[in-house]
Amino acid sequence: MKQIILLTVSLLLAYSAFSQDIAGSWYGALTVGNRLPLVIKISEKDGGYSATLDSPAQGAKGIPISTVNFENGKLTFSVAIAGIEYEGVLQNDSITGTFKQNGLSLPLSLSRTPTTEESLAPPARSQDPKPPFPYRSEEVKFENKAAGITLAGTLTLPQEGNIFPIAVLVTGSGPQNRNEELFGHKPFLVLSDYLTRNGIAVLRYDDRGVAESGGKYETATLDDFASDAAAAVNYLKTRKEINSKKIGIIGHSYGGTIAFMLAGEKNSDIAYIVSMAGPAIPGDSLIRLQSDLIFRKAGATDAQRAESEKGFTKIDSIIRNCSDEAILKNMDKILDDLLSDSVRGDERYRANTRQVIRQMMGSETKSILNSNPAEALTKTKCPVLALNGENDLQVPADINLDRIKALVKGKVTAKKYPGLNHLFQHCTTGLPTEYGNIEETMSPEVLNDIATWIRQVTR
């Protein structure tokens, strides 16, 4: 769920600042429910400027700013791939301006004075496990023979005993490594450590085309990722330490959808599923719903939310009804039709919209837009633990949990956690901008519930 969801997060990570002599570092913070400190580093280049952004609280450094202009004390910049624009005015030694992204406007002021070291430092990640570990850990590789690629991961096995039940961890959308690492958090590392300490073996692996895994991420679809997860299951059946009748899938976000695809369509012998904020409604409906919830929570007006929905509907229709070749060939005409009179001639708007269209043309995004988990859900007969945070704005709890309970044939245990977001962190607003600023990687209650439930269904 990062292709669309983390778009909002990373999008809030890009802007720039200038002065009469604007080269150097500038400091500021966005406030969307909480503070997001920023460091903008500006350099002179070919008679102009280039800039990068650090978001220390999220562990992000060197994010490139695509276009930068500074004239007559006025700074403008855009980040095309993120749909971001910024406009500010230099006054003395500070810049006061407005950050805009997809209809939302936020104040962003910049100065040369660093904020406190405490606010710039990445939040502690106290749940990250540290050696020595009371279990065995092995770096492994396994083949997806149908795709002709080799995937790499880490297998952790309890120190005592043998013939273990095991969980295969499957990430959501967007390229991720075996730890599902984002914004300084390593949710799958924390989860695998907890489960293995509690007698459950775990296999976590890098997405295809990421880190040590082969293949190409850019051209892969949900079916391809399900094929990779099936290859992981088949590999585990060859391991003497693993009970082949007790292999389950834990999927986070669209990893939950992949888990149901495996259990319902590709591997009927999956022993159990843990769906962590797994979508259960059609992909296009979910993207519309999550976008509206995030915009509403961030303070967008009804008119802004309606305009966002209108733009998405137009682009979605183009993607569905035209070939990629035709879209690329007729991009200028498409932009003329999409953009309003006031911005049609503005190259910044055209570049931003062009990038959005190209992203939605991607293989994974297309497969998400066209996905409907219903068929896989109705074919799933194994026990299911379905979990959601009450403050999840990306995969809203009630509609998705209710659909899982209604469609799955096997026994479903569903739980909604008060105060938790899409990453199962205790939060204030649930907005993606909070993720990196929260110390907690995953609620201890969720970790305990998953381990307890797996031990019960695999005993």
Protein backbone atom coordinates (compact mmCIF):
# COMPACT_ATOMS: atom_id res chain seq x y z
CA MET A 1 0.00 0.00 0.00
CA LYS A 2 2.86 2.33 -0.39
CA GLN A 3 2.52 3.18 -4.05
CA ILE A 4 -0.42 5.44 -3.24
CA ILE A 5 -0.13 5.77 0.48
CA LEU A 6 3.47 6.56 0.87
CA LEU A 7 3.05 8.92 -2.02
CA THR A 8 1.35 11.22 0.51
CA VAL A 9 4.17 10.72 3.01
CA SER A 10 7.15 11.13 0.76
CA LEU A 11 5.36 13.96 -0.92
CA LEU A 12 5.40 15.89 2.26
CA LEU A 13 9.15 15.55 2.13
CA ALA A 14 10.14 17.93 -0.61
CA TYR A 15 10.62 21.62 -0.81
CA SER A 16 13.41 24.17 -0.93
CA ALA A 17 14.52 27.62 0.16
CA PHE A 18 16.60 30.57 -0.96
CA SER A 19 18.02 33.98 -0.06
CA GLN A 20 20.03 36.71 -1.73
CA ASP A 21 22.89 34.35 -1.03
CA ILE A 22 20.75 31.32 -0.51
CA ALA A 23 23.41 28.62 -0.77
CA GLY A 24 23.74 26.59 2.41
CA SER A 25 21.42 24.82 4.83
CA TRP A 26 17.92 25.97 5.76
CA TYR A 27 15.74 24.60 8.53
CA GLY A 28 11.99 24.38 8.95
CA ALA A 29 9.12 22.08 9.79
CA LEU A 30 5.73 21.11 8.43
CA THR A 31 2.92 20.63 10.93
CA VAL A 32 0.26 18.08 10.03
CA GLY A 33 -0.93 16.80 13.35
CA ASN A 34 2.70 16.84 14.51
CA ARG A 35 6.00 18.49 13.51
CA LEU A 36 8.07 17.18 10.63
CA PRO A 37 11.52 18.87 10.82
CA LEU A 38 13.29 19.49 7.51
CA VAL A 39 16.80 20.46 6.45
CA ILE A 40 17.12 21.91 2.94
CA LYS A 41 20.62 22.06 1.45
CA ILE A 42 21.11 24.45 -1.45
CA SER A 43 24.05 24.65 -3.84
CA GLU A 44 24.87 26.94 -6.75
CA LYS A 45 24.80 25.16 -10.10
CA ASP A 46 25.34 26.49 -13.62
CA GLY A 47 24.30 30.01 -12.67
CA GLY A 48 21.28 28.74 -10.77
CA TYR A 49 20.61 26.47 -7.85
CA SER A 50 20.10 22.82 -7.02
CA ALA A 51 18.76 21.52 -3.73
CA THR A 52 18.20 18.41 -1.66
CA LEU A 53 16.08 17.70 1.38
CA ASP A 54 16.78 15.82 4.60
CA SER A 55 13.99 14.67 6.88
CA PRO A 56 16.02 13.60 9.93
CA ALA A 57 13.04 12.37 11.92
CA GLN A 58 12.23 9.92 9.14
CA GLY A 59 15.81 8.87 8.45
CA ALA A 60 15.65 10.33 4.92
CA LYS A 61 18.64 12.14 3.43
CA GLY A 62 19.49 13.73 0.09
CA ILE A 63 15.98 13.74 -1.42
CA PRO A 64 16.39 15.65 -4.72
CA ILE A 65 14.30 18.75 -5.40
CA SER A 66 13.52 18.75 -9.12
CA THR A 67 13.15 22.44 -10.02
CA VAL A 68 14.27 25.55 -8.15
CA ASN A 69 13.81 29.24 -9.07
CA PHE A 70 14.73 32.34 -7.10
CA GLU A 71 14.03 35.80 -8.51
CA ASN A 72 13.47 39.18 -6.86
CA GLY A 73 13.41 37.65 -3.40
CA LYS A 74 10.77 35.08 -4.36
CA LEU A 75 11.42 31.35 -4.21
CA THR A 76 9.39 28.80 -6.15
CA PHE A 77 10.07 25.13 -6.54
CA SER A 78 8.33 21.95 -7.60
CA VAL A 79 8.83 18.24 -7.09
CA ALA A 80 7.23 16.79 -10.19
CA ILE A 81 7.00 13.17 -9.12
CA ALA A 82 5.28 14.16 -5.89
CA GLY A 83 2.86 16.81 -7.18
CA ILE A 84 4.40 19.39 -4.84
CA GLU A 85 4.78 23.15 -5.23
CA TYR A 86 6.26 25.74 -2.90
CA GLU A 87 6.27 29.52 -3.02
CA GLY A 88 7.99 31.70 -0.46
CA VAL A 89 9.34 35.21 0.04
CA LEU A 90 12.73 36.05 1.53
CA GLN A 91 12.51 38.48 4.44
CA ASN A 92 15.75 39.30 6.23
CA ASP A 93 17.24 35.87 6.93
CA SER A 94 14.11 33.74 6.71
CA ILE A 95 11.69 32.57 4.04
CA THR A 96 7.96 32.56 4.66
CA GLY A 97 5.84 30.59 2.26
CA THR A 98 3.22 27.99 1.44
CA PHE A 99 3.65 24.35 0.56
CA LYS A 100 0.99 22.86 -1.72
CA GLN A 101 0.29 19.29 -2.69
CA ASN A 102 -2.76 17.98 -4.53
CA GLY A 103 -5.10 20.65 -3.23
CA LEU A 104 -3.68 20.90 0.29
CA SER A 105 -1.91 24.06 1.51
CA LEU A 106 0.42 24.15 4.50
CA PRO A 107 2.59 26.97 5.87
CA LEU A 108 6.33 26.32 5.62
CA SER A 109 8.85 28.83 6.95
CA LEU A 110 12.61 28.35 6.67
CA SER A 111 15.54 29.90 8.50
CA ARG A 112 19.28 29.45 8.74
CA THR A 113 19.04 28.67 12.45
CA PRO A 114 18.95 24.93 13.22
CA THR A 115 16.13 23.67 15.35
CA THR A 116 17.21 21.85 18.48
CA GLU A 117 19.29 18.73 18.03
CA GLU A 118 16.58 16.81 19.81
CA SER A 119 13.94 17.73 17.20
CA LEU A 120 16.30 16.91 14.32
CA ALA A 121 17.47 13.56 15.63
CA PRO A 122 15.69 10.44 14.40
CA PRO A 123 13.30 9.15 17.05
CA ALA A 124 14.63 6.21 19.02
CA ARG A 125 13.70 2.79 17.67
CA SER A 126 13.75 1.01 21.00
CA GLN A 127 12.01 -2.09 19.63
CA ASP A 128 14.78 -2.86 17.12
CA PRO A 129 16.25 -6.19 18.28
CA LYS A 130 19.91 -6.27 19.23
CA PRO A 131 22.27 -9.24 19.41
CA PRO A 132 22.95 -11.69 20.86
CA PHE A 133 19.72 -13.40 19.76
CA PRO A 134 18.28 -16.48 21.52
CA TYR A 135 17.53 -18.16 18.18
CA ARG A 136 19.20 -19.28 14.98
CA SER A 137 19.35 -17.00 11.95
CA GLU A 138 20.25 -18.09 8.41
CA GLU A 139 20.60 -16.12 5.19
CA VAL A 140 18.79 -18.09 2.48
CA LYS A 141 18.05 -17.99 -1.23
CA PHE A 142 15.22 -19.69 -3.08
CA GLU A 143 14.02 -19.85 -6.66
CA ASN A 144 10.83 -18.75 -8.28
CA LYS A 145 11.27 -21.15 -11.17
CA ALA A 146 8.24 -19.91 -13.08
CA ALA A 147 9.65 -16.36 -13.13
CA GLY A 148 13.27 -17.46 -13.52
CA ILE A 149 14.47 -15.40 -10.55
CA THR A 150 16.19 -16.02 -7.23
CA LEU A 151 14.91 -14.34 -4.07
CA ALA A 152 16.93 -13.71 -0.91
CA GLY A 153 15.81 -13.58 2.69
CA THR A 154 16.41 -14.47 6.31
CA LEU A 155 15.12 -17.59 8.04
CA THR A 156 14.96 -17.47 11.83
CA LEU A 157 14.47 -20.68 13.83
CA PRO A 158 13.85 -21.11 17.57
CA GLN A 159 16.90 -22.35 19.46
CA GLU A 160 15.10 -25.25 21.13
CA GLY A 161 13.09 -27.98 19.45
CA ASN A 162 12.54 -28.92 15.81
CA ILE A 163 9.82 -29.25 13.15
CA PHE A 164 8.53 -25.74 13.75
CA PRO A 165 5.41 -23.93 12.57
CA ILE A 166 6.45 -20.99 10.42
CA ALA A 167 5.20 -17.63 9.19
CA VAL A 168 6.15 -16.18 5.79
CA LEU A 169 6.11 -12.38 5.96
CA VAL A 170 4.80 -10.62 2.83
CA THR A 171 5.16 -6.86 2.36
CA GLY A 172 2.65 -4.50 0.80
CA SER A 173 2.96 -2.38 -2.33
CA GLY A 174 6.09 -0.46 -3.19
CA PRO A 175 9.63 -1.89 -3.28
CA GLN A 176 10.63 -3.06 0.20
CA ASN A 177 13.40 -5.11 1.73
CA ARG A 178 12.95 -8.10 4.02
CA ASN A 179 12.54 -5.86 7.07
CA GLU A 180 9.77 -3.83 5.38
CA GLU A 181 11.98 -0.85 6.19
CA LEU A 182 10.49 2.63 5.96
CA PHE A 183 11.12 5.93 7.74
CA GLY A 184 13.69 4.35 10.02
CA HIS A 185 11.28 1.61 11.15
CA LYS A 186 11.82 -2.11 10.51
CA PRO A 187 8.41 -3.64 11.25
CA PHE A 188 9.17 -7.11 9.87
CA LEU A 189 12.45 -7.31 11.79
CA VAL A 190 10.61 -6.49 15.02
CA LEU A 191 7.82 -8.96 14.20
CA SER A 192 10.12 -11.82 13.19
CA ASP A 193 12.23 -11.36 16.31
CA TYR A 194 9.16 -11.49 18.56
CA LEU A 195 7.65 -14.54 16.87
CA THR A 196 10.90 -16.52 16.84
CA ARG A 197 11.48 -15.80 20.53
CA ASN A 198 8.01 -17.31 21.05
CA GLY A 199 8.68 -20.59 19.26
CA ILE A 200 7.53 -19.68 15.72
CA ALA A 201 9.99 -19.82 12.82
CA VAL A 202 9.88 -16.91 10.33
CA LEU A 203 10.96 -16.36 6.72
CA ARG A 204 11.15 -12.77 5.54
CA TYR A 205 12.56 -11.87 2.13
CA ASP A 206 13.44 -8.92 -0.12
CA ASP A 207 10.90 -8.03 -2.79
CA ARG A 208 11.96 -8.97 -6.31
CA GLY A 209 14.43 -6.41 -7.66
CA VAL A 210 15.15 -5.08 -4.15
CA ALA A 211 18.37 -5.53 -2.13
CA GLU A 212 19.63 -9.08 -2.73
CA SER A 213 16.63 -10.46 -4.64
CA GLY A 214 16.73 -10.82 -8.42
CA GLY A 215 14.12 -9.81 -10.94
CA LYS A 216 12.59 -6.42 -11.82
CA TYR A 217 10.21 -4.68 -9.48
CA GLU A 218 9.05 -2.10 -12.01
CA THR A 219 7.25 -4.56 -14.28
CA ALA A 220 5.76 -6.79 -11.58
CA THR A 221 2.07 -7.13 -10.70
CA LEU A 222 0.22 -8.46 -7.67
CA ASP A 223 0.13 -11.87 -9.39
CA ASP A 224 3.92 -11.78 -9.71
CA PHE A 225 4.35 -10.97 -6.03
CA ALA A 226 1.93 -13.77 -5.14
CA SER A 227 4.08 -16.07 -7.28
CA ASP A 228 7.15 -15.01 -5.26
CA ALA A 229 5.34 -15.74 -1.98
CA ALA A 230 4.30 -19.16 -3.33
CA ALA A 231 7.96 -19.85 -4.14
CA ALA A 232 8.83 -19.04 -0.53
CA VAL A 233 6.23 -21.54 0.67
CA ASN A 234 7.52 -24.22 -1.69
CA TYR A 235 11.07 -23.62 -0.48
CA LEU A 236 10.04 -24.08 3.14
CA LYS A 237 8.51 -27.47 2.31
CA THR A 238 12.05 -28.66 1.53
CA ARG A 239 13.41 -27.68 4.95
CA LYS A 240 13.58 -30.49 7.48
CA GLU A 241 13.20 -28.05 10.39
CA ILE A 242 9.77 -26.88 9.16
CA ASN A 243 6.41 -28.55 9.68
CA SER A 244 5.08 -28.44 6.12
CA LYS A 245 1.50 -28.64 7.39
CA LYS A 246 1.91 -25.53 9.51
CA ILE A 247 3.12 -22.93 7.02
CA GLY A 248 1.20 -19.67 7.29
CA ILE A 249 1.32 -16.21 5.71
CA ILE A 250 1.44 -12.88 7.51
CA GLY A 251 0.72 -10.12 5.01
CA HIS A 252 0.81 -6.40 5.75
CA SER A 253 -1.38 -4.08 3.69
CA TYR A 254 -1.45 -5.46 0.11
CA GLY A 255 0.62 -8.33 1.49
CA GLY A 256 -2.67 -9.36 3.12
CA THR A 257 -4.33 -9.47 -0.30
CA ILE A 258 -1.45 -11.63 -1.55
CA ALA A 259 -1.93 -13.97 1.43
CA PHE A 260 -5.56 -14.53 0.43
CA MET A 261 -4.52 -15.04 -3.20
CA LEU A 262 -2.20 -17.83 -2.07
CA ALA A 263 -4.67 -19.50 0.26
CA GLY A 264 -7.63 -19.17 -2.08
CA GLU A 265 -6.08 -19.69 -5.50
CA LYS A 266 -2.49 -20.87 -5.52
CA ASN A 267 -1.80 -22.91 -2.35
CA SER A 268 -4.84 -24.47 -0.73
CA ASP A 269 -2.58 -26.03 1.88
CA ILE A 270 -1.72 -22.72 3.57
CA ALA A 271 -2.29 -23.42 7.27
CA TYR A 272 -3.30 -19.91 8.38
CA ILE A 273 -3.34 -16.24 7.44
CA VAL A 274 -2.67 -13.12 9.49
CA SER A 275 -3.99 -10.11 7.59
CA MET A 276 -2.43 -6.95 8.99
CA ALA A 277 -4.49 -4.10 7.53
CA GLY A 278 -5.13 -6.18 4.43
CA PRO A 279 -7.48 -4.64 1.81
CA ALA A 280 -10.69 -6.52 1.12
CA ILE A 281 -12.44 -4.07 -1.22
CA PRO A 282 -11.64 -3.36 -4.90
CA GLY A 283 -8.41 -1.45 -5.42
CA ASP A 284 -9.85 1.60 -7.18
CA SER A 285 -12.45 2.01 -4.42
CA LEU A 286 -9.79 1.73 -1.74
CA ILE A 287 -7.54 4.35 -3.36
CA ARG A 288 -10.45 6.79 -3.58
CA LEU A 289 -11.44 6.12 0.03
CA GLN A 290 -7.95 6.41 1.48
CA SER A 291 -7.21 9.61 -0.46
CA ASP A 292 -10.41 11.21 0.78
CA LEU A 293 -9.76 10.20 4.40
CA ILE A 294 -6.19 11.49 4.32
CA PHE A 295 -7.20 14.77 2.68
CA ARG A 296 -10.07 15.24 5.16
CA LYS A 297 -7.83 14.55 8.16
CA ALA A 298 -5.18 16.94 6.79
CA GLY A 299 -7.74 19.74 6.60
CA ALA A 300 -8.78 19.81 2.94
CA THR A 301 -12.06 21.53 2.13
CA ASP A 302 -15.00 19.74 0.55
CA ALA A 303 -14.24 21.52 -2.72
CA GLN A 304 -10.59 20.42 -2.64
CA ARG A 305 -11.56 16.82 -1.93
CA ALA A 306 -14.10 16.88 -4.76
CA GLU A 307 -11.50 18.28 -7.17
CA SER A 308 -9.06 15.54 -6.17
CA GLU A 309 -11.69 12.86 -6.77
CA LYS A 310 -12.57 14.38 -10.15
CA GLY A 311 -8.93 14.37 -11.25
CA PHE A 312 -8.40 10.78 -10.16
CA THR A 313 -11.53 9.64 -12.00
CA LYS A 314 -10.36 11.24 -15.24
CA ILE A 315 -6.88 9.73 -15.04
CA ASP A 316 -8.22 6.33 -14.01
CA SER A 317 -10.51 6.30 -17.05
CA ILE A 318 -7.61 7.15 -19.35
CA ILE A 319 -5.41 4.41 -17.89
CA ARG A 320 -8.16 1.81 -18.22
CA ASN A 321 -9.28 2.69 -21.74
CA CYS A 322 -6.05 3.58 -23.55
CA SER A 323 -2.89 1.66 -24.29
CA ASP A 324 0.36 2.86 -22.73
CA GLU A 325 1.66 3.67 -26.20
CA ALA A 326 -1.37 5.83 -26.98
CA ILE A 327 -1.11 7.65 -23.64
CA LEU A 328 2.56 8.49 -24.14
CA LYS A 329 2.00 9.53 -27.73
CA ASN A 330 -0.91 11.83 -26.86
CA MET A 331 0.33 13.06 -23.48
CA ASP A 332 0.18 16.77 -24.38
CA LYS A 333 -3.44 16.53 -25.56
CA ILE A 334 -4.36 14.54 -22.43
CA LEU A 335 -2.82 17.22 -20.24
CA ASP A 336 -4.68 19.94 -22.14
CA ASP A 337 -7.96 18.12 -21.49
CA LEU A 338 -7.19 17.38 -17.82
CA LEU A 339 -5.89 20.73 -16.64
CA SER A 340 -8.06 23.77 -16.03
CA ASP A 341 -7.61 27.01 -17.99
CA SER A 342 -5.75 28.69 -15.13
CA VAL A 343 -2.91 26.16 -15.01
CA ARG A 344 -2.95 24.54 -18.46
CA GLY A 345 0.00 26.61 -19.66
CA ASP A 346 2.03 26.23 -16.46
CA GLU A 347 4.81 23.71 -17.08
CA ARG A 348 5.03 22.90 -13.39
CA TYR A 349 1.44 21.67 -13.31
CA ARG A 350 1.95 19.81 -16.56
CA ALA A 351 5.08 18.10 -15.24
CA ASN A 352 3.36 17.14 -11.98
CA THR A 353 0.32 15.69 -13.76
CA ARG A 354 2.52 13.90 -16.28
CA GLN A 355 4.37 12.16 -13.44
CA VAL A 356 1.11 11.12 -11.75
CA ILE A 357 -0.10 9.56 -14.99
CA ARG A 358 3.18 7.73 -15.50
CA GLN A 359 3.03 6.37 -11.96
CA MET A 360 -0.52 5.10 -12.46
CA MET A 361 0.63 3.42 -15.68
CA GLY A 362 3.07 1.28 -13.64
CA SER A 363 2.44 -2.47 -13.57
CA GLU A 364 1.88 -2.70 -9.83
CA THR A 365 -0.41 0.32 -9.65
CA LYS A 366 -2.48 -0.94 -12.57
CA SER A 367 -2.87 -4.34 -10.93
CA ILE A 368 -3.94 -2.65 -7.68
CA LEU A 369 -6.50 -0.48 -9.46
CA ASN A 370 -7.94 -3.58 -11.11
CA SER A 371 -7.77 -5.81 -8.04
CA ASN A 372 -10.83 -7.27 -6.35
CA PRO A 373 -9.97 -9.55 -3.40
CA ALA A 374 -13.50 -10.98 -3.20
CA GLU A 375 -12.84 -14.16 -5.21
CA ALA A 376 -9.74 -15.10 -3.22
CA LEU A 377 -11.52 -14.32 0.05
CA THR A 378 -14.45 -16.59 -0.75
CA LYS A 379 -12.06 -19.45 -1.58
CA THR A 380 -10.06 -19.10 1.65
CA LYS A 381 -10.85 -21.92 4.09
CA CYS A 382 -7.94 -21.73 6.54
CA PRO A 383 -8.13 -19.87 9.88
CA VAL A 384 -7.68 -16.10 9.51
CA LEU A 385 -6.62 -13.46 12.01
CA ALA A 386 -7.65 -10.08 10.57
CA LEU A 387 -6.24 -7.00 12.31
CA ASN A 388 -6.67 -3.25 11.74
CA GLY A 389 -5.94 -0.04 13.56
CA GLU A 390 -8.90 2.19 14.33
CA ASN A 391 -6.92 5.20 13.03
CA ASP A 392 -5.83 3.52 9.80
CA LEU A 393 -6.47 6.02 6.99
CA GLN A 394 -4.96 3.81 4.30
CA VAL A 395 -6.97 0.63 4.78
CA PRO A 396 -9.94 1.74 6.90
CA ALA A 397 -10.78 -0.83 9.54
CA ASP A 398 -14.55 -1.31 9.55
CA ILE A 399 -15.27 -1.76 5.85
CA ASN A 400 -12.32 -4.11 5.29
CA LEU A 401 -12.71 -6.21 8.45
CA ASP A 402 -16.45 -6.59 7.81
CA ARG A 403 -15.82 -7.80 4.27
CA ILE A 404 -13.22 -10.33 5.39
CA LYS A 405 -15.61 -11.69 8.02
CA ALA A 406 -18.44 -11.90 5.49
CA LEU A 407 -16.55 -13.60 2.66
CA VAL A 408 -13.93 -15.94 4.15
CA LYS A 409 -15.16 -19.53 4.51
CA GLY A 410 -12.77 -20.44 7.30
CA LYS A 411 -12.91 -19.25 10.90
CA VAL A 412 -12.12 -15.53 11.14
CA THR A 413 -10.88 -13.79 14.26
CA ALA A 414 -11.07 -10.03 13.72
CA LYS A 415 -9.79 -7.25 15.93
CA LYS A 416 -9.75 -3.47 15.66
CA TYR A 417 -7.21 -1.68 17.86
CA PRO A 418 -8.10 1.74 19.30
CA GLY A 419 -5.53 4.45 18.61
CA LEU A 420 -3.41 2.48 16.12
CA ASN A 421 -2.54 3.52 12.56
CA HIS A 422 -1.75 1.60 9.37
CA LEU A 423 1.63 0.49 10.77
CA PHE A 424 0.01 -0.56 14.07
CA GLN A 425 1.65 2.29 15.97
CA HIS A 426 -0.06 4.30 18.67
CA CYS A 427 -0.67 7.67 17.00
CA THR A 428 -2.45 11.00 17.18
CA THR A 429 -4.05 11.50 13.76
CA GLY A 430 -3.29 8.39 11.70
CA LEU A 431 -1.78 10.54 8.95
CA PRO A 432 1.19 8.99 7.15
CA THR A 433 3.27 12.03 8.11
CA GLU A 434 3.32 10.73 11.69
CA TYR A 435 4.91 7.37 10.92
CA GLY A 436 8.54 8.43 11.06
CA ASN A 437 8.13 10.63 14.14
CA ILE A 438 6.70 7.88 16.34
CA GLU A 439 9.23 5.93 18.39
CA GLU A 440 7.11 2.78 18.51
CA THR A 441 7.51 0.46 15.52
CA MET A 442 4.64 -1.90 16.35
CA SER A 443 2.26 -2.12 19.28
CA PRO A 444 3.33 -4.81 21.81
CA GLU A 445 -0.32 -5.84 22.07
CA VAL A 446 -0.43 -6.62 18.36
CA LEU A 447 2.82 -8.60 18.54
CA ASN A 448 1.49 -10.64 21.46
CA ASP A 449 -1.89 -11.24 19.81
CA ILE A 450 -0.28 -12.54 16.61
CA ALA A 451 2.10 -14.90 18.44
CA THR A 452 -0.63 -16.19 20.77
CA TRP A 453 -3.07 -16.82 17.91
CA ILE A 454 -0.50 -18.64 15.74
CA ARG A 455 0.48 -20.92 18.61
CA GLN A 456 -3.20 -21.74 19.12
CA VAL A 457 -3.98 -22.60 15.48
CA THR A 458 -0.75 -24.60 14.96
CA ARG A 459 -0.68 -26.58 18.20
